[in-house]
Amino acid sequence: MRRRFACLSVIPLAGFLLSGSPPILGPKYTIVEIGTLGGSDSNALAIIENAQVVGSAFNAQGFRRAYLWEEGAMIDLGVIPGTTTSEAWGINNLGVVAVNSSPTGFGKVFLWENDVKTEITTPLGSKSIFDIKGAGQIVGQYGNTMGESHACLWEPDGTFIDLGTLGGTYSIAWEINENAVVPGSSFSPLGERAFHWAGGTMTDIGTLGGTHSEGYCINDSGHIVGRAQPEGTKNYNAFLWQSGQMTNVGALGDSAAGAVASRLTTTESRWASEAGPVFGTTRITGWWTY
């Protein structure tokens, strides 16, 4: 049987760099396999500064379960009663984990902290959460009463905010920074577009010349990374958006599937780029390279 395992690694040389940026120099790191919950597969979806990792893994009974990995041990975070599947997408620096739970991994959501589960409920339809920040703000997506799927934000006091769309019926929020700025993507009359949401306003941040873009991650300086189509192609290149400008980070080689920048470090003064290194994936002749 083919087995896939989540791993923990910090390998700067494998990341995307903006053209002209200095090479990243520093110590070499070791890839650490963090295992499963007794099954055949696991993934890692988020990490915080003290090396706590969250994601999902199959257990011995064949169910996918959210986990927290710390100090060499993988903890099963469980599910909401009545569901069988869960997946952890985010963790803040207080150790609070954002988890999706349902028969398919979406539909109900809860926060896990010190072995206590707190379900996030609304009078609305199915929902999913993808990130949580230190202040307790959570972003994700929910289904409204009109059958549309919208990006949303939960405030620590329980306030629920529909982030809206760019004129379509669909939007999704993937991350939030400490300044409550949210990246994501939304249907619009021009196609699916990456957006920047702040202070109640959703802004289309454009494309690389094509019709499609998606924003995934943001740092506390407000720089956004994701993927977008260059003009004249249906493939994708990774991008970095800062100061109102989207820059093509590119792909490695002739990539049929394109590339995506999937994680952005916080500002580091030692690099020429204000955004710091950009990390991501690209597909070359059938293989994903990180």
C-alpha atoms as a PDB file:
ATOM      1  CA  MET A   1       0.000   0.000   0.000  1.00  0.00           C
ATOM      2  CA  ARG A   2       1.242   3.477  -0.861  1.00  0.00           C
ATOM      3  CA  ARG A   3       1.745   5.557   2.286  1.00  0.00           C
ATOM      4  CA  ARG A   4       2.036   9.339   2.560  1.00  0.00           C
ATOM      5  CA  PHE A   5       3.230  11.078   5.691  1.00  0.00           C
ATOM      6  CA  ALA A   6       3.288  14.668   6.863  1.00  0.00           C
ATOM      7  CA  CYS A   7       6.720  16.056   7.568  1.00  0.00           C
ATOM      8  CA  LEU A   8       8.178  19.044   9.377  1.00  0.00           C
ATOM      9  CA  SER A   9      10.966  20.893   7.614  1.00  0.00           C
ATOM     10  CA  VAL A  10      12.460  24.332   7.109  1.00  0.00           C
ATOM     11  CA  ILE A  11      14.425  24.350   3.876  1.00  0.00           C
ATOM     12  CA  PRO A  12      14.882  27.945   2.658  1.00  0.00           C
ATOM     13  CA  LEU A  13      16.678  26.919  -0.538  1.00  0.00           C
ATOM     14  CA  ALA A  14      13.530  25.142  -1.712  1.00  0.00           C
ATOM     15  CA  GLY A  15      11.460  28.296  -1.664  1.00  0.00           C
ATOM     16  CA  PHE A  16      10.573  30.682  -4.447  1.00  0.00           C
ATOM     17  CA  LEU A  17      12.582  33.899  -4.525  1.00  0.00           C
ATOM     18  CA  LEU A  18      11.803  37.071  -6.374  1.00  0.00           C
ATOM     19  CA  SER A  19      14.066  37.664  -9.336  1.00  0.00           C
ATOM     20  CA  GLY A  20      17.160  39.522  -8.225  1.00  0.00           C
ATOM     21  CA  SER A  21      16.785  38.612  -4.550  1.00  0.00           C
ATOM     22  CA  PRO A  22      19.927  37.434  -2.762  1.00  0.00           C
ATOM     23  CA  PRO A  23      20.244  33.703  -2.161  1.00  0.00           C
ATOM     24  CA  ILE A  24      19.030  32.519   1.218  1.00  0.00           C
ATOM     25  CA  LEU A  25      22.025  31.430   3.264  1.00  0.00           C
ATOM     26  CA  GLY A  26      21.865  29.738   6.608  1.00  0.00           C
ATOM     27  CA  PRO A  27      22.043  26.410   8.415  1.00  0.00           C
ATOM     28  CA  LYS A  28      20.781  23.228   6.841  1.00  0.00           C
ATOM     29  CA  TYR A  29      17.678  21.683   8.317  1.00  0.00           C
ATOM     30  CA  THR A  30      16.422  18.154   8.789  1.00  0.00           C
ATOM     31  CA  ILE A  31      13.106  16.799   7.490  1.00  0.00           C
ATOM     32  CA  VAL A  32      11.197  15.123  10.323  1.00  0.00           C
ATOM     33  CA  GLU A  33       8.435  12.644   9.506  1.00  0.00           C
ATOM     34  CA  ILE A  34       5.658  13.232  12.014  1.00  0.00           C
ATOM     35  CA  GLY A  35       3.744  10.044  11.252  1.00  0.00           C
ATOM     36  CA  THR A  36       0.029   9.252  11.342  1.00  0.00           C
ATOM     37  CA  LEU A  37      -2.637   8.274  13.873  1.00  0.00           C
ATOM     38  CA  GLY A  38      -2.244   4.626  12.927  1.00  0.00           C
ATOM     39  CA  GLY A  39      -3.393   4.863   9.310  1.00  0.00           C
ATOM     40  CA  SER A  40      -1.708   5.252   5.940  1.00  0.00           C
ATOM     41  CA  ASP A  41      -1.803   8.991   5.261  1.00  0.00           C
ATOM     42  CA  SER A  42      -1.269  12.366   6.921  1.00  0.00           C
ATOM     43  CA  ASN A  43      -0.871  16.008   5.939  1.00  0.00           C
ATOM     44  CA  ALA A  44       0.439  19.135   7.648  1.00  0.00           C
ATOM     45  CA  LEU A  45      -1.520  22.364   7.156  1.00  0.00           C
ATOM     46  CA  ALA A  46      -0.182  24.920   9.647  1.00  0.00           C
ATOM     47  CA  ILE A  47       2.722  25.544  12.018  1.00  0.00           C
ATOM     48  CA  ILE A  48       3.515  28.155  14.682  1.00  0.00           C
ATOM     49  CA  GLU A  49       6.804  29.480  16.014  1.00  0.00           C
ATOM     50  CA  ASN A  50       7.259  26.852  18.723  1.00  0.00           C
ATOM     51  CA  ALA A  51       7.011  24.086  16.077  1.00  0.00           C
ATOM     52  CA  GLN A  52       3.497  22.920  16.939  1.00  0.00           C
ATOM     53  CA  VAL A  53       1.989  21.483  13.745  1.00  0.00           C
ATOM     54  CA  VAL A  54      -1.650  20.799  12.846  1.00  0.00           C
ATOM     55  CA  GLY A  55      -3.300  18.927   9.998  1.00  0.00           C
ATOM     56  CA  SER A  56      -5.075  15.620   9.572  1.00  0.00           C
ATOM     57  CA  ALA A  57      -4.163  11.948   9.532  1.00  0.00           C
ATOM     58  CA  PHE A  58      -5.938   8.636   9.098  1.00  0.00           C
ATOM     59  CA  ASN A  59      -6.400   6.539  12.212  1.00  0.00           C
ATOM     60  CA  ALA A  60      -6.310   2.749  12.415  1.00  0.00           C
ATOM     61  CA  GLN A  61     -10.078   2.597  11.768  1.00  0.00           C
ATOM     62  CA  GLY A  62      -9.684   4.439   8.467  1.00  0.00           C
ATOM     63  CA  PHE A  63     -11.142   7.797   9.546  1.00  0.00           C
ATOM     64  CA  ARG A  64      -9.377  11.094   8.891  1.00  0.00           C
ATOM     65  CA  ARG A  65      -8.887  13.017  12.123  1.00  0.00           C
ATOM     66  CA  ALA A  66      -7.485  16.418  13.035  1.00  0.00           C
ATOM     67  CA  TYR A  67      -4.255  16.318  14.996  1.00  0.00           C
ATOM     68  CA  LEU A  68      -1.874  18.517  16.951  1.00  0.00           C
ATOM     69  CA  TRP A  69       1.798  17.479  16.784  1.00  0.00           C
ATOM     70  CA  GLU A  70       4.131  18.742  19.492  1.00  0.00           C
ATOM     71  CA  GLU A  71       7.361  17.489  21.047  1.00  0.00           C
ATOM     72  CA  GLY A  72       7.330  14.372  18.920  1.00  0.00           C
ATOM     73  CA  ALA A  73       3.778  13.280  19.748  1.00  0.00           C
ATOM     74  CA  MET A  74       0.663  13.409  17.545  1.00  0.00           C
ATOM     75  CA  ILE A  75      -2.578  14.130  19.455  1.00  0.00           C
ATOM     76  CA  ASP A  76      -5.961  13.138  17.977  1.00  0.00           C
ATOM     77  CA  LEU A  77      -8.229  16.181  18.389  1.00  0.00           C
ATOM     78  CA  GLY A  78     -11.378  14.168  17.809  1.00  0.00           C
ATOM     79  CA  VAL A  79     -14.649  15.171  16.187  1.00  0.00           C
ATOM     80  CA  ILE A  80     -17.933  16.814  17.076  1.00  0.00           C
ATOM     81  CA  PRO A  81     -20.441  14.131  18.233  1.00  0.00           C
ATOM     82  CA  GLY A  82     -22.361  12.794  15.265  1.00  0.00           C
ATOM     83  CA  THR A  83     -19.479  13.286  12.819  1.00  0.00           C
ATOM     84  CA  THR A  84     -16.643  10.969  11.834  1.00  0.00           C
ATOM     85  CA  THR A  85     -14.093  13.141  10.032  1.00  0.00           C
ATOM     86  CA  SER A  86     -12.100  16.188  11.082  1.00  0.00           C
ATOM     87  CA  GLU A  87      -9.214  18.284   9.796  1.00  0.00           C
ATOM     88  CA  ALA A  88      -7.223  21.042  11.542  1.00  0.00           C
ATOM     89  CA  TRP A  89      -6.393  24.020   9.334  1.00  0.00           C
ATOM     90  CA  GLY A  90      -5.074  26.668  11.694  1.00  0.00           C
ATOM     91  CA  ILE A  91      -3.407  27.254  15.055  1.00  0.00           C
ATOM     92  CA  ASN A  92      -2.572  30.504  16.835  1.00  0.00           C
ATOM     93  CA  ASN A  93       0.339  31.248  19.139  1.00  0.00           C
ATOM     94  CA  LEU A  94      -1.836  30.476  22.173  1.00  0.00           C
ATOM     95  CA  GLY A  95      -2.222  26.892  20.967  1.00  0.00           C
ATOM     96  CA  VAL A  96      -5.888  27.226  19.955  1.00  0.00           C
ATOM     97  CA  VAL A  97      -6.618  24.997  16.940  1.00  0.00           C
ATOM     98  CA  ALA A  98      -9.289  25.651  14.277  1.00  0.00           C
ATOM     99  CA  VAL A  99     -10.935  22.380  13.192  1.00  0.00           C
ATOM    100  CA  ASN A 100     -13.502  21.368  10.561  1.00  0.00           C
ATOM    101  CA  SER A 101     -15.620  18.347  11.451  1.00  0.00           C
ATOM    102  CA  SER A 102     -18.334  16.450   9.557  1.00  0.00           C
ATOM    103  CA  PRO A 103     -18.883  13.247   7.610  1.00  0.00           C
ATOM    104  CA  THR A 104     -16.830  14.823   4.804  1.00  0.00           C
ATOM    105  CA  GLY A 105     -14.511  17.107   6.788  1.00  0.00           C
ATOM    106  CA  PHE A 106     -16.650  20.229   6.391  1.00  0.00           C
ATOM    107  CA  GLY A 107     -20.013  21.441   7.685  1.00  0.00           C
ATOM    108  CA  LYS A 108     -19.334  21.914  11.412  1.00  0.00           C
ATOM    109  CA  VAL A 109     -16.428  23.669  13.068  1.00  0.00           C
ATOM    110  CA  PHE A 110     -14.875  23.789  16.517  1.00  0.00           C
ATOM    111  CA  LEU A 111     -11.952  25.250  18.417  1.00  0.00           C
ATOM    112  CA  TRP A 112      -9.681  22.906  20.378  1.00  0.00           C
ATOM    113  CA  GLU A 113      -7.710  24.133  23.376  1.00  0.00           C
ATOM    114  CA  ASN A 114      -6.134  21.984  26.086  1.00  0.00           C
ATOM    115  CA  ASP A 115      -8.366  19.007  25.184  1.00  0.00           C
ATOM    116  CA  VAL A 116     -11.547  21.118  25.318  1.00  0.00           C
ATOM    117  CA  LYS A 117     -13.710  21.453  22.179  1.00  0.00           C
ATOM    118  CA  THR A 118     -15.876  24.533  21.624  1.00  0.00           C
ATOM    119  CA  GLU A 119     -18.241  24.274  18.673  1.00  0.00           C
ATOM    120  CA  ILE A 120     -18.770  27.460  16.683  1.00  0.00           C
ATOM    121  CA  THR A 121     -22.451  27.673  15.845  1.00  0.00           C
ATOM    122  CA  THR A 122     -24.456  30.036  13.676  1.00  0.00           C
ATOM    123  CA  PRO A 123     -28.087  29.889  12.484  1.00  0.00           C
ATOM    124  CA  LEU A 124     -26.733  29.468   8.952  1.00  0.00           C
ATOM    125  CA  GLY A 125     -25.766  26.514   6.785  1.00  0.00           C
ATOM    126  CA  SER A 126     -22.544  24.489   6.573  1.00  0.00           C
ATOM    127  CA  LYS A 127     -19.280  26.225   7.330  1.00  0.00           C
ATOM    128  CA  SER A 128     -15.541  25.694   7.322  1.00  0.00           C
ATOM    129  CA  ILE A 129     -12.655  27.531   9.013  1.00  0.00           C
ATOM    130  CA  PHE A 130      -9.103  27.906   7.727  1.00  0.00           C
ATOM    131  CA  ASP A 131      -7.156  30.235  10.028  1.00  0.00           C
ATOM    132  CA  ILE A 132      -7.119  31.673  13.540  1.00  0.00           C
ATOM    133  CA  LYS A 133      -4.984  34.483  14.920  1.00  0.00           C
ATOM    134  CA  GLY A 134      -3.744  35.355  18.403  1.00  0.00           C
ATOM    135  CA  ALA A 135      -6.643  37.705  19.075  1.00  0.00           C
ATOM    136  CA  GLY A 136      -9.061  34.840  18.400  1.00  0.00           C
ATOM    137  CA  GLN A 137     -10.304  36.034  15.011  1.00  0.00           C
ATOM    138  CA  ILE A 138     -11.249  33.167  12.687  1.00  0.00           C
ATOM    139  CA  VAL A 139     -11.798  33.182   8.926  1.00  0.00           C
ATOM    140  CA  GLY A 140     -13.359  30.678   6.568  1.00  0.00           C
ATOM    141  CA  GLN A 141     -16.482  30.167   4.496  1.00  0.00           C
ATOM    142  CA  TYR A 142     -20.176  29.501   5.096  1.00  0.00           C
ATOM    143  CA  GLY A 143     -23.278  28.692   3.092  1.00  0.00           C
ATOM    144  CA  ASN A 144     -25.959  31.387   3.305  1.00  0.00           C
ATOM    145  CA  THR A 145     -29.733  31.072   2.986  1.00  0.00           C
ATOM    146  CA  MET A 146     -29.608  31.898  -0.747  1.00  0.00           C
ATOM    147  CA  GLY A 147     -27.473  28.879  -1.555  1.00  0.00           C
ATOM    148  CA  GLU A 148     -24.311  30.952  -1.961  1.00  0.00           C
ATOM    149  CA  SER A 149     -20.925  30.355  -0.345  1.00  0.00           C
ATOM    150  CA  HIS A 150     -19.313  33.452   1.177  1.00  0.00           C
ATOM    151  CA  ALA A 151     -16.048  34.228   2.942  1.00  0.00           C
ATOM    152  CA  CYS A 152     -16.629  35.033   6.603  1.00  0.00           C
ATOM    153  CA  LEU A 153     -14.987  36.249   9.806  1.00  0.00           C
ATOM    154  CA  TRP A 154     -15.820  35.332  13.405  1.00  0.00           C
ATOM    155  CA  GLU A 155     -14.768  37.863  16.054  1.00  0.00           C
ATOM    156  CA  PRO A 156     -13.727  36.696  19.561  1.00  0.00           C
ATOM    157  CA  ASP A 157     -16.957  38.149  21.033  1.00  0.00           C
ATOM    158  CA  GLY A 158     -19.017  35.909  18.742  1.00  0.00           C
ATOM    159  CA  THR A 159     -19.778  38.555  16.106  1.00  0.00           C
ATOM    160  CA  PHE A 160     -20.171  36.961  12.687  1.00  0.00           C
ATOM    161  CA  ILE A 161     -19.239  38.981   9.573  1.00  0.00           C
ATOM    162  CA  ASP A 162     -20.084  38.028   5.997  1.00  0.00           C
ATOM    163  CA  LEU A 163     -17.168  39.415   3.957  1.00  0.00           C
ATOM    164  CA  GLY A 164     -19.272  39.524   0.796  1.00  0.00           C
ATOM    165  CA  THR A 165     -18.082  38.913  -2.766  1.00  0.00           C
ATOM    166  CA  LEU A 166     -16.743  40.822  -5.761  1.00  0.00           C
ATOM    167  CA  GLY A 167     -20.120  40.575  -7.458  1.00  0.00           C
ATOM    168  CA  GLY A 168     -20.538  36.808  -7.721  1.00  0.00           C
ATOM    169  CA  THR A 169     -22.070  34.030  -5.634  1.00  0.00           C
ATOM    170  CA  TYR A 170     -18.868  32.595  -4.169  1.00  0.00           C
ATOM    171  CA  SER A 171     -15.957  33.743  -2.047  1.00  0.00           C
ATOM    172  CA  ILE A 172     -13.537  32.095   0.384  1.00  0.00           C
ATOM    173  CA  ALA A 173     -11.134  33.465   2.993  1.00  0.00           C
ATOM    174  CA  TRP A 174      -7.938  31.515   3.637  1.00  0.00           C
ATOM    175  CA  GLU A 175      -5.996  33.507   6.210  1.00  0.00           C
ATOM    176  CA  ILE A 176      -6.014  36.600   8.450  1.00  0.00           C
ATOM    177  CA  ASN A 177      -3.098  38.638   9.776  1.00  0.00           C
ATOM    178  CA  GLU A 178      -2.722  40.356  13.139  1.00  0.00           C
ATOM    179  CA  ASN A 179      -4.141  43.571  11.603  1.00  0.00           C
ATOM    180  CA  ALA A 180      -7.390  41.797  10.598  1.00  0.00           C
ATOM    181  CA  VAL A 181      -6.571  41.924   6.882  1.00  0.00           C
ATOM    182  CA  VAL A 182      -7.882  38.908   4.964  1.00  0.00           C
ATOM    183  CA  PRO A 183      -6.820  37.391   1.601  1.00  0.00           C
ATOM    184  CA  GLY A 184      -8.919  35.009  -0.444  1.00  0.00           C
ATOM    185  CA  SER A 185     -10.709  34.682  -3.758  1.00  0.00           C
ATOM    186  CA  SER A 186     -14.157  35.527  -5.086  1.00  0.00           C
ATOM    187  CA  PHE A 187     -16.237  35.107  -8.184  1.00  0.00           C
ATOM    188  CA  SER A 188     -16.677  38.374 -10.064  1.00  0.00           C
ATOM    189  CA  PRO A 189     -18.010  39.460 -13.477  1.00  0.00           C
ATOM    190  CA  LEU A 190     -14.395  39.193 -14.708  1.00  0.00           C
ATOM    191  CA  GLY A 191     -13.755  35.679 -13.366  1.00  0.00           C
ATOM    192  CA  GLU A 192     -12.445  34.356 -10.067  1.00  0.00           C
ATOM    193  CA  ARG A 193     -10.181  36.983  -8.510  1.00  0.00           C
ATOM    194  CA  ALA A 194      -7.872  37.222  -5.531  1.00  0.00           C
ATOM    195  CA  PHE A 195      -9.037  39.768  -2.983  1.00  0.00           C
ATOM    196  CA  HIS A 196      -7.788  41.879  -0.091  1.00  0.00           C
ATOM    197  CA  TRP A 197     -10.387  42.525   2.640  1.00  0.00           C
ATOM    198  CA  ALA A 198      -9.886  45.160   5.337  1.00  0.00           C
ATOM    199  CA  GLY A 199     -12.215  47.344   7.396  1.00  0.00           C
ATOM    200  CA  GLY A 200     -15.339  46.048   5.690  1.00  0.00           C
ATOM    201  CA  THR A 201     -14.121  46.512   2.116  1.00  0.00           C
ATOM    202  CA  MET A 202     -13.234  43.715  -0.319  1.00  0.00           C
ATOM    203  CA  THR A 203     -10.820  44.780  -3.082  1.00  0.00           C
ATOM    204  CA  ASP A 204      -9.927  42.900  -6.284  1.00  0.00           C
ATOM    205  CA  ILE A 205      -6.105  42.768  -6.382  1.00  0.00           C
ATOM    206  CA  GLY A 206      -5.984  41.753 -10.037  1.00  0.00           C
ATOM    207  CA  THR A 207      -4.209  39.036 -12.003  1.00  0.00           C
ATOM    208  CA  LEU A 208      -0.976  38.523 -13.921  1.00  0.00           C
ATOM    209  CA  GLY A 209      -2.762  39.404 -17.161  1.00  0.00           C
ATOM    210  CA  GLY A 210      -5.128  36.433 -17.325  1.00  0.00           C
ATOM    211  CA  THR A 211      -8.641  36.046 -15.943  1.00  0.00           C
ATOM    212  CA  HIS A 212      -8.056  34.038 -12.758  1.00  0.00           C
ATOM    213  CA  SER A 213      -6.229  34.605  -9.458  1.00  0.00           C
ATOM    214  CA  GLU A 214      -6.451  33.299  -5.892  1.00  0.00           C
ATOM    215  CA  GLY A 215      -4.950  34.806  -2.740  1.00  0.00           C
ATOM    216  CA  TYR A 216      -3.879  32.361  -0.042  1.00  0.00           C
ATOM    217  CA  CYS A 217      -1.543  33.810   2.577  1.00  0.00           C
ATOM    218  CA  ILE A 218      -0.676  37.161   4.131  1.00  0.00           C
ATOM    219  CA  ASN A 219       1.953  38.462   6.537  1.00  0.00           C
ATOM    220  CA  ASP A 220       1.585  41.265   9.073  1.00  0.00           C
ATOM    221  CA  SER A 221       2.969  43.772   6.545  1.00  0.00           C
ATOM    222  CA  GLY A 222      -0.043  43.079   4.314  1.00  0.00           C
ATOM    223  CA  HIS A 223       1.846  41.258   1.551  1.00  0.00           C
ATOM    224  CA  ILE A 224      -0.258  38.539  -0.115  1.00  0.00           C
ATOM    225  CA  VAL A 225       0.858  35.438  -2.007  1.00  0.00           C
ATOM    226  CA  GLY A 226      -1.126  33.032  -4.162  1.00  0.00           C
ATOM    227  CA  ARG A 227      -1.462  31.961  -7.769  1.00  0.00           C
ATOM    228  CA  ALA A 228      -2.682  33.644 -10.947  1.00  0.00           C
ATOM    229  CA  GLN A 229      -2.888  33.067 -14.685  1.00  0.00           C
ATOM    230  CA  PRO A 230      -0.513  35.078 -16.888  1.00  0.00           C
ATOM    231  CA  GLU A 231      -1.955  36.484 -20.092  1.00  0.00           C
ATOM    232  CA  GLY A 232      -2.605  33.949 -22.847  1.00  0.00           C
ATOM    233  CA  THR A 233      -2.407  30.777 -20.749  1.00  0.00           C
ATOM    234  CA  LYS A 234      -4.583  28.652 -18.488  1.00  0.00           C
ATOM    235  CA  ASN A 235      -1.584  27.631 -16.384  1.00  0.00           C
ATOM    236  CA  TYR A 236      -0.742  29.362 -13.121  1.00  0.00           C
ATOM    237  CA  ASN A 237       2.271  31.178 -11.747  1.00  0.00           C
ATOM    238  CA  ALA A 238       2.897  32.103  -8.133  1.00  0.00           C
ATOM    239  CA  PHE A 239       2.534  35.793  -7.269  1.00  0.00           C
ATOM    240  CA  LEU A 240       3.485  38.260  -4.566  1.00  0.00           C
ATOM    241  CA  TRP A 241       1.193  41.282  -4.065  1.00  0.00           C
ATOM    242  CA  GLN A 242       2.480  44.313  -2.171  1.00  0.00           C
ATOM    243  CA  SER A 243       1.877  48.072  -2.279  1.00  0.00           C
ATOM    244  CA  GLY A 244      -0.927  47.580  -4.786  1.00  0.00           C
ATOM    245  CA  GLN A 245       1.254  45.695  -7.286  1.00  0.00           C
ATOM    246  CA  MET A 246       1.143  41.989  -8.215  1.00  0.00           C
ATOM    247  CA  THR A 247       4.538  40.504  -9.120  1.00  0.00           C
ATOM    248  CA  ASN A 248       4.967  37.250 -11.048  1.00  0.00           C
ATOM    249  CA  VAL A 249       7.140  34.980  -8.886  1.00  0.00           C
ATOM    250  CA  GLY A 250       7.108  32.404 -11.684  1.00  0.00           C
ATOM    251  CA  ALA A 251       7.400  28.623 -11.787  1.00  0.00           C
ATOM    252  CA  LEU A 252      10.298  26.210 -12.051  1.00  0.00           C
ATOM    253  CA  GLY A 253      10.762  24.836 -15.541  1.00  0.00           C
ATOM    254  CA  ASP A 254       7.961  24.115 -18.018  1.00  0.00           C
ATOM    255  CA  SER A 255       5.175  23.503 -15.522  1.00  0.00           C
ATOM    256  CA  ALA A 256       1.955  22.129 -16.976  1.00  0.00           C
ATOM    257  CA  ALA A 257       0.144  22.662 -13.680  1.00  0.00           C
ATOM    258  CA  GLY A 258       1.701  26.014 -12.867  1.00  0.00           C
ATOM    259  CA  ALA A 259       2.804  27.065  -9.399  1.00  0.00           C
ATOM    260  CA  VAL A 260       1.428  28.456  -6.194  1.00  0.00           C
ATOM    261  CA  ALA A 261       3.095  30.474  -3.470  1.00  0.00           C
ATOM    262  CA  SER A 262       1.613  29.031  -0.317  1.00  0.00           C
ATOM    263  CA  ARG A 263       3.353  30.604   2.644  1.00  0.00           C
ATOM    264  CA  LEU A 264       4.867  34.023   3.286  1.00  0.00           C
ATOM    265  CA  THR A 265       7.273  34.776   6.099  1.00  0.00           C
ATOM    266  CA  THR A 266       7.060  37.889   8.234  1.00  0.00           C
ATOM    267  CA  THR A 267       9.209  40.892   7.379  1.00  0.00           C
ATOM    268  CA  GLU A 268      12.950  40.251   7.726  1.00  0.00           C
ATOM    269  CA  SER A 269      15.376  43.176   7.515  1.00  0.00           C
ATOM    270  CA  ARG A 270      18.263  40.976   6.350  1.00  0.00           C
ATOM    271  CA  TRP A 271      16.686  40.515   2.892  1.00  0.00           C
ATOM    272  CA  ALA A 272      16.344  43.090   0.167  1.00  0.00           C
ATOM    273  CA  SER A 273      12.674  42.213  -0.343  1.00  0.00           C
ATOM    274  CA  GLU A 274      10.392  43.785   2.261  1.00  0.00           C
ATOM    275  CA  ALA A 275       8.259  40.653   2.183  1.00  0.00           C
ATOM    276  CA  GLY A 276      10.990  38.192   3.082  1.00  0.00           C
ATOM    277  CA  PRO A 277      11.269  34.796   1.378  1.00  0.00           C
ATOM    278  CA  VAL A 278       8.235  33.383  -0.418  1.00  0.00           C
ATOM    279  CA  PHE A 279       7.712  29.630  -0.272  1.00  0.00           C
ATOM    280  CA  GLY A 280       5.526  27.440  -2.431  1.00  0.00           C
ATOM    281  CA  THR A 281       5.188  24.558  -4.845  1.00  0.00           C
ATOM    282  CA  THR A 282       5.533  23.961  -8.561  1.00  0.00           C
ATOM    283  CA  ARG A 283       4.827  20.911 -10.690  1.00  0.00           C
ATOM    284  CA  ILE A 284       7.483  19.668 -13.080  1.00  0.00           C
ATOM    285  CA  THR A 285       6.815  16.630 -15.312  1.00  0.00           C
ATOM    286  CA  GLY A 286       4.226  15.263 -12.945  1.00  0.00           C
ATOM    287  CA  TRP A 287       6.045  15.890  -9.657  1.00  0.00           C
ATOM    288  CA  TRP A 288       5.391  18.610  -7.096  1.00  0.00           C
ATOM    289  CA  THR A 289       8.569  20.452  -6.076  1.00  0.00           C
ATOM    290  CA  TYR A 290       8.714  22.579  -2.922  1.00  0.00           C
END
